[in-house]
N, C-alpha and C. Protein backbone atom coordinates (compact mmCIF):
# COMPACT_ATOMS: atom_id res chain seq x y z
N UNK A 1 -11.70 15.79 19.92
CA UNK A 1 -10.27 15.98 19.85
C UNK A 1 -9.96 16.80 18.61
N UNK A 2 -9.33 17.93 18.79
CA UNK A 2 -8.94 18.79 17.67
C UNK A 2 -7.57 18.39 17.17
N UNK A 3 -7.49 18.19 15.89
CA UNK A 3 -6.21 17.86 15.27
C UNK A 3 -5.86 19.00 14.34
N UNK A 4 -4.71 19.59 14.54
CA UNK A 4 -4.27 20.70 13.72
C UNK A 4 -3.25 20.19 12.72
N UNK A 5 -3.49 20.45 11.48
CA UNK A 5 -2.54 20.07 10.43
C UNK A 5 -1.66 21.26 10.12
N UNK A 6 -0.40 21.00 10.03
CA UNK A 6 0.54 22.04 9.63
C UNK A 6 0.79 21.87 8.14
N UNK A 7 0.37 22.85 7.39
CA UNK A 7 0.49 22.80 5.94
C UNK A 7 1.63 23.71 5.51
N UNK A 8 2.56 23.19 4.72
CA UNK A 8 3.65 24.06 4.27
C UNK A 8 3.12 25.13 3.32
N UNK A 9 3.76 26.28 3.27
CA UNK A 9 3.28 27.33 2.38
C UNK A 9 3.40 26.90 0.92
N UNK A 10 2.51 27.40 0.12
CA UNK A 10 2.51 27.08 -1.30
C UNK A 10 3.52 27.97 -2.00
N UNK A 11 4.36 27.35 -2.79
CA UNK A 11 5.38 28.10 -3.51
C UNK A 11 4.72 28.93 -4.61
N UNK A 12 5.21 30.13 -4.85
CA UNK A 12 4.61 30.97 -5.90
C UNK A 12 4.87 30.37 -7.28
N UNK A 13 3.95 30.64 -8.17
CA UNK A 13 4.10 30.16 -9.54
C UNK A 13 5.23 30.92 -10.23
N UNK A 14 5.99 30.22 -10.99
CA UNK A 14 7.08 30.84 -11.74
C UNK A 14 6.86 30.62 -13.22
N UNK A 15 7.58 31.35 -14.00
CA UNK A 15 7.43 31.26 -15.45
C UNK A 15 8.33 30.20 -16.07
N UNK A 16 9.04 29.44 -15.25
CA UNK A 16 9.92 28.41 -15.80
C UNK A 16 9.09 27.26 -16.32
N UNK A 17 9.48 26.70 -17.45
CA UNK A 17 8.72 25.59 -18.00
C UNK A 17 8.83 24.35 -17.12
N UNK A 18 7.80 23.54 -17.17
CA UNK A 18 7.78 22.29 -16.40
C UNK A 18 8.76 21.31 -17.02
N UNK A 19 9.40 20.47 -16.21
CA UNK A 19 10.33 19.48 -16.77
C UNK A 19 9.58 18.49 -17.65
N UNK A 20 10.28 17.98 -18.63
CA UNK A 20 9.67 17.01 -19.55
C UNK A 20 9.33 15.73 -18.79
N UNK A 21 8.30 15.06 -19.24
CA UNK A 21 7.88 13.82 -18.61
C UNK A 21 8.96 12.75 -18.77
N UNK A 22 9.17 11.99 -17.72
CA UNK A 22 10.19 10.94 -17.77
C UNK A 22 9.68 9.78 -18.62
N UNK A 23 10.55 9.14 -19.35
CA UNK A 23 10.11 8.00 -20.16
C UNK A 23 9.62 6.86 -19.27
N UNK A 24 8.72 6.05 -19.79
CA UNK A 24 8.11 4.97 -19.02
C UNK A 24 9.12 3.89 -18.64
N UNK A 25 10.19 3.77 -19.39
CA UNK A 25 11.18 2.73 -19.11
C UNK A 25 12.10 3.11 -17.96
N UNK A 26 12.02 4.33 -17.50
CA UNK A 26 12.92 4.81 -16.46
C UNK A 26 12.66 4.16 -15.11
N UNK A 27 11.43 3.94 -14.76
CA UNK A 27 11.08 3.35 -13.47
C UNK A 27 9.77 2.60 -13.57
N UNK A 28 9.39 1.98 -12.48
CA UNK A 28 8.15 1.22 -12.46
C UNK A 28 6.95 2.17 -12.45
N UNK A 29 5.91 1.82 -13.16
CA UNK A 29 4.72 2.66 -13.17
C UNK A 29 3.94 2.45 -11.87
N UNK A 30 3.07 3.38 -11.58
CA UNK A 30 2.26 3.32 -10.37
C UNK A 30 1.41 2.05 -10.36
N UNK A 31 0.85 1.71 -11.50
CA UNK A 31 0.02 0.51 -11.60
C UNK A 31 0.85 -0.75 -11.31
N UNK A 32 2.08 -0.79 -11.81
CA UNK A 32 2.93 -1.95 -11.57
C UNK A 32 3.31 -2.07 -10.10
N UNK A 33 3.58 -0.93 -9.48
CA UNK A 33 3.92 -0.94 -8.05
C UNK A 33 2.74 -1.47 -7.23
N UNK A 34 1.54 -1.00 -7.55
CA UNK A 34 0.35 -1.49 -6.83
C UNK A 34 0.12 -2.97 -7.07
N UNK A 35 0.30 -3.39 -8.31
CA UNK A 35 0.10 -4.80 -8.64
C UNK A 35 1.11 -5.68 -7.89
N UNK A 36 2.35 -5.25 -7.84
CA UNK A 36 3.37 -6.01 -7.11
C UNK A 36 3.06 -6.06 -5.62
N UNK A 37 2.57 -4.95 -5.09
CA UNK A 37 2.21 -4.91 -3.67
C UNK A 37 1.07 -5.87 -3.37
N UNK A 38 0.08 -5.91 -4.24
CA UNK A 38 -1.03 -6.84 -4.05
C UNK A 38 -0.55 -8.29 -4.11
N UNK A 39 0.39 -8.57 -5.00
CA UNK A 39 0.94 -9.93 -5.09
C UNK A 39 1.68 -10.30 -3.81
N UNK A 40 2.42 -9.34 -3.25
CA UNK A 40 3.15 -9.60 -2.00
C UNK A 40 2.18 -9.86 -0.85
N UNK A 41 1.11 -9.09 -0.77
CA UNK A 41 0.11 -9.30 0.27
C UNK A 41 -0.53 -10.67 0.10
N UNK A 42 -0.84 -11.04 -1.12
CA UNK A 42 -1.43 -12.34 -1.39
C UNK A 42 -0.47 -13.46 -1.00
N UNK A 43 0.81 -13.28 -1.29
CA UNK A 43 1.82 -14.28 -0.92
C UNK A 43 1.89 -14.44 0.59
N UNK A 44 1.88 -13.33 1.31
CA UNK A 44 1.92 -13.39 2.77
C UNK A 44 0.67 -14.07 3.34
N UNK A 45 -0.48 -13.82 2.72
CA UNK A 45 -1.71 -14.49 3.16
C UNK A 45 -1.61 -15.99 2.94
N UNK A 46 -1.04 -16.39 1.80
CA UNK A 46 -0.85 -17.81 1.52
C UNK A 46 0.11 -18.47 2.49
N UNK A 47 1.20 -17.77 2.83
CA UNK A 47 2.16 -18.31 3.81
C UNK A 47 1.50 -18.48 5.17
N UNK A 48 0.67 -17.52 5.55
CA UNK A 48 -0.03 -17.62 6.84
C UNK A 48 -0.99 -18.80 6.82
N UNK A 49 -1.70 -18.99 5.73
CA UNK A 49 -2.62 -20.12 5.62
C UNK A 49 -1.87 -21.46 5.71
N UNK A 50 -0.73 -21.54 5.04
CA UNK A 50 0.06 -22.78 5.09
C UNK A 50 0.60 -23.03 6.50
N UNK A 51 1.01 -21.95 7.18
CA UNK A 51 1.52 -22.11 8.55
C UNK A 51 0.41 -22.58 9.48
N UNK A 52 -0.79 -22.04 9.32
CA UNK A 52 -1.93 -22.47 10.15
C UNK A 52 -2.24 -23.94 9.88
N UNK A 53 -2.26 -24.30 8.61
CA UNK A 53 -2.54 -25.69 8.25
C UNK A 53 -1.48 -26.63 8.81
N UNK A 54 -0.23 -26.23 8.72
CA UNK A 54 0.86 -27.05 9.23
C UNK A 54 0.76 -27.21 10.74
N UNK A 55 0.43 -26.14 11.43
CA UNK A 55 0.27 -26.21 12.88
C UNK A 55 -0.91 -27.10 13.25
N UNK A 56 -2.01 -26.98 12.53
CA UNK A 56 -3.22 -27.75 12.84
C UNK A 56 -3.04 -29.24 12.56
N UNK A 57 -2.23 -29.58 11.58
CA UNK A 57 -2.05 -30.99 11.22
C UNK A 57 -0.85 -31.62 11.91
N UNK A 58 -0.18 -30.86 12.79
CA UNK A 58 0.96 -31.42 13.50
C UNK A 58 2.24 -31.38 12.70
N UNK A 59 2.32 -30.49 11.74
CA UNK A 59 3.51 -30.35 10.92
C UNK A 59 4.64 -29.67 11.67
N UNK A 60 5.67 -29.27 10.94
CA UNK A 60 6.86 -28.69 11.59
C UNK A 60 6.68 -27.26 12.09
N UNK A 61 5.56 -26.62 11.80
CA UNK A 61 5.35 -25.22 12.21
C UNK A 61 5.14 -25.13 13.72
N UNK A 62 5.71 -24.10 14.31
CA UNK A 62 5.50 -23.84 15.73
C UNK A 62 4.44 -22.76 15.89
N UNK A 63 3.91 -22.67 17.08
CA UNK A 63 2.89 -21.65 17.34
C UNK A 63 3.48 -20.25 17.14
N UNK A 64 4.71 -20.06 17.57
CA UNK A 64 5.38 -18.77 17.42
C UNK A 64 5.50 -18.37 15.95
N UNK A 65 5.99 -19.28 15.12
CA UNK A 65 6.15 -19.00 13.69
C UNK A 65 4.80 -18.76 13.01
N UNK A 66 3.80 -19.52 13.43
CA UNK A 66 2.47 -19.36 12.85
C UNK A 66 1.89 -17.99 13.20
N UNK A 67 2.03 -17.59 14.45
CA UNK A 67 1.50 -16.29 14.86
C UNK A 67 2.24 -15.15 14.16
N UNK A 68 3.55 -15.30 13.97
CA UNK A 68 4.30 -14.28 13.24
C UNK A 68 3.81 -14.17 11.80
N UNK A 69 3.58 -15.30 11.14
CA UNK A 69 3.10 -15.29 9.76
C UNK A 69 1.72 -14.66 9.65
N UNK A 70 0.85 -14.99 10.61
CA UNK A 70 -0.52 -14.44 10.59
C UNK A 70 -0.49 -12.93 10.84
N UNK A 71 0.29 -12.49 11.81
CA UNK A 71 0.37 -11.06 12.11
C UNK A 71 1.00 -10.28 10.97
N UNK A 72 2.01 -10.86 10.34
CA UNK A 72 2.65 -10.20 9.20
C UNK A 72 1.66 -10.05 8.05
N UNK A 73 0.87 -11.10 7.79
CA UNK A 73 -0.13 -11.04 6.73
C UNK A 73 -1.22 -10.03 7.08
N UNK A 74 -1.64 -10.00 8.34
CA UNK A 74 -2.68 -9.06 8.75
C UNK A 74 -2.20 -7.61 8.65
N UNK A 75 -0.99 -7.37 9.07
CA UNK A 75 -0.44 -6.01 9.01
C UNK A 75 -0.29 -5.54 7.57
N UNK A 76 0.19 -6.42 6.70
CA UNK A 76 0.35 -6.03 5.29
C UNK A 76 -1.01 -5.79 4.64
N UNK A 77 -2.02 -6.57 5.03
CA UNK A 77 -3.37 -6.37 4.49
C UNK A 77 -3.94 -5.03 4.96
N UNK A 78 -3.74 -4.70 6.23
CA UNK A 78 -4.23 -3.42 6.75
C UNK A 78 -3.55 -2.25 6.04
N UNK A 79 -2.26 -2.37 5.82
CA UNK A 79 -1.54 -1.31 5.11
C UNK A 79 -2.07 -1.17 3.69
N UNK A 80 -2.29 -2.30 3.01
CA UNK A 80 -2.83 -2.25 1.66
C UNK A 80 -4.20 -1.57 1.64
N UNK A 81 -5.03 -1.86 2.64
CA UNK A 81 -6.35 -1.24 2.70
C UNK A 81 -6.26 0.26 2.94
N UNK A 82 -5.30 0.70 3.74
CA UNK A 82 -5.12 2.13 3.97
C UNK A 82 -4.66 2.83 2.70
N UNK A 83 -3.77 2.19 1.96
CA UNK A 83 -3.32 2.76 0.69
C UNK A 83 -4.49 2.85 -0.28
N UNK A 84 -5.31 1.80 -0.33
CA UNK A 84 -6.48 1.81 -1.20
C UNK A 84 -7.43 2.93 -0.81
N UNK A 85 -7.65 3.11 0.49
CA UNK A 85 -8.55 4.17 0.96
C UNK A 85 -8.03 5.54 0.55
N UNK A 86 -6.72 5.75 0.66
CA UNK A 86 -6.13 7.03 0.27
C UNK A 86 -6.28 7.26 -1.24
N UNK A 87 -6.11 6.22 -2.02
CA UNK A 87 -6.27 6.34 -3.48
C UNK A 87 -7.71 6.69 -3.82
N UNK A 88 -8.66 6.05 -3.16
CA UNK A 88 -10.07 6.33 -3.41
C UNK A 88 -10.41 7.77 -2.99
N UNK A 89 -9.87 8.20 -1.85
CA UNK A 89 -10.10 9.58 -1.41
C UNK A 89 -9.54 10.58 -2.41
N UNK A 90 -8.35 10.31 -2.93
CA UNK A 90 -7.75 11.21 -3.92
C UNK A 90 -8.58 11.24 -5.19
N UNK A 91 -9.05 10.10 -5.62
CA UNK A 91 -9.90 10.03 -6.82
C UNK A 91 -11.18 10.82 -6.61
N UNK A 92 -11.81 10.65 -5.46
CA UNK A 92 -13.04 11.39 -5.19
C UNK A 92 -12.80 12.89 -5.10
N UNK A 93 -11.65 13.28 -4.58
CA UNK A 93 -11.31 14.71 -4.52
C UNK A 93 -11.14 15.27 -5.92
N UNK A 94 -10.53 14.50 -6.79
CA UNK A 94 -10.36 14.93 -8.19
C UNK A 94 -11.72 15.08 -8.85
N UNK A 95 -12.64 14.16 -8.57
CA UNK A 95 -13.98 14.26 -9.15
C UNK A 95 -14.71 15.50 -8.66
N UNK A 96 -14.44 15.94 -7.44
CA UNK A 96 -15.12 17.12 -6.89
C UNK A 96 -14.53 18.44 -7.40
N UNK A 97 -13.37 18.38 -8.01
CA UNK A 97 -12.74 19.61 -8.50
C UNK A 97 -13.57 20.22 -9.62
N UNK A 98 -13.67 21.55 -9.57
CA UNK A 98 -14.36 22.26 -10.64
C UNK A 98 -13.36 22.74 -11.65
N UNK A 99 -13.70 22.58 -12.88
CA UNK A 99 -12.78 22.99 -13.96
C UNK A 99 -13.07 24.39 -14.40
């Protein structure tokens, strides 16, 4: 299967100076965003585990709610893994760059 990527044209270089770097207090850093995302995935995994345990022990959880919690945790984990894979690919591409 051939997949064609449409790449936008590269803008020509201009002599205008690059904008100054934004201060760190302006927004969340990339590391903080990743860390928060990992915490959210971990929280969803814990909720799914508690729902499974509640269902297995005859607690108030229903099969429907348990399946929703498990699928939500699984989907968030898969998304996190895809983001990780993209970060690793970008890092490896940077390592392959010649200076």
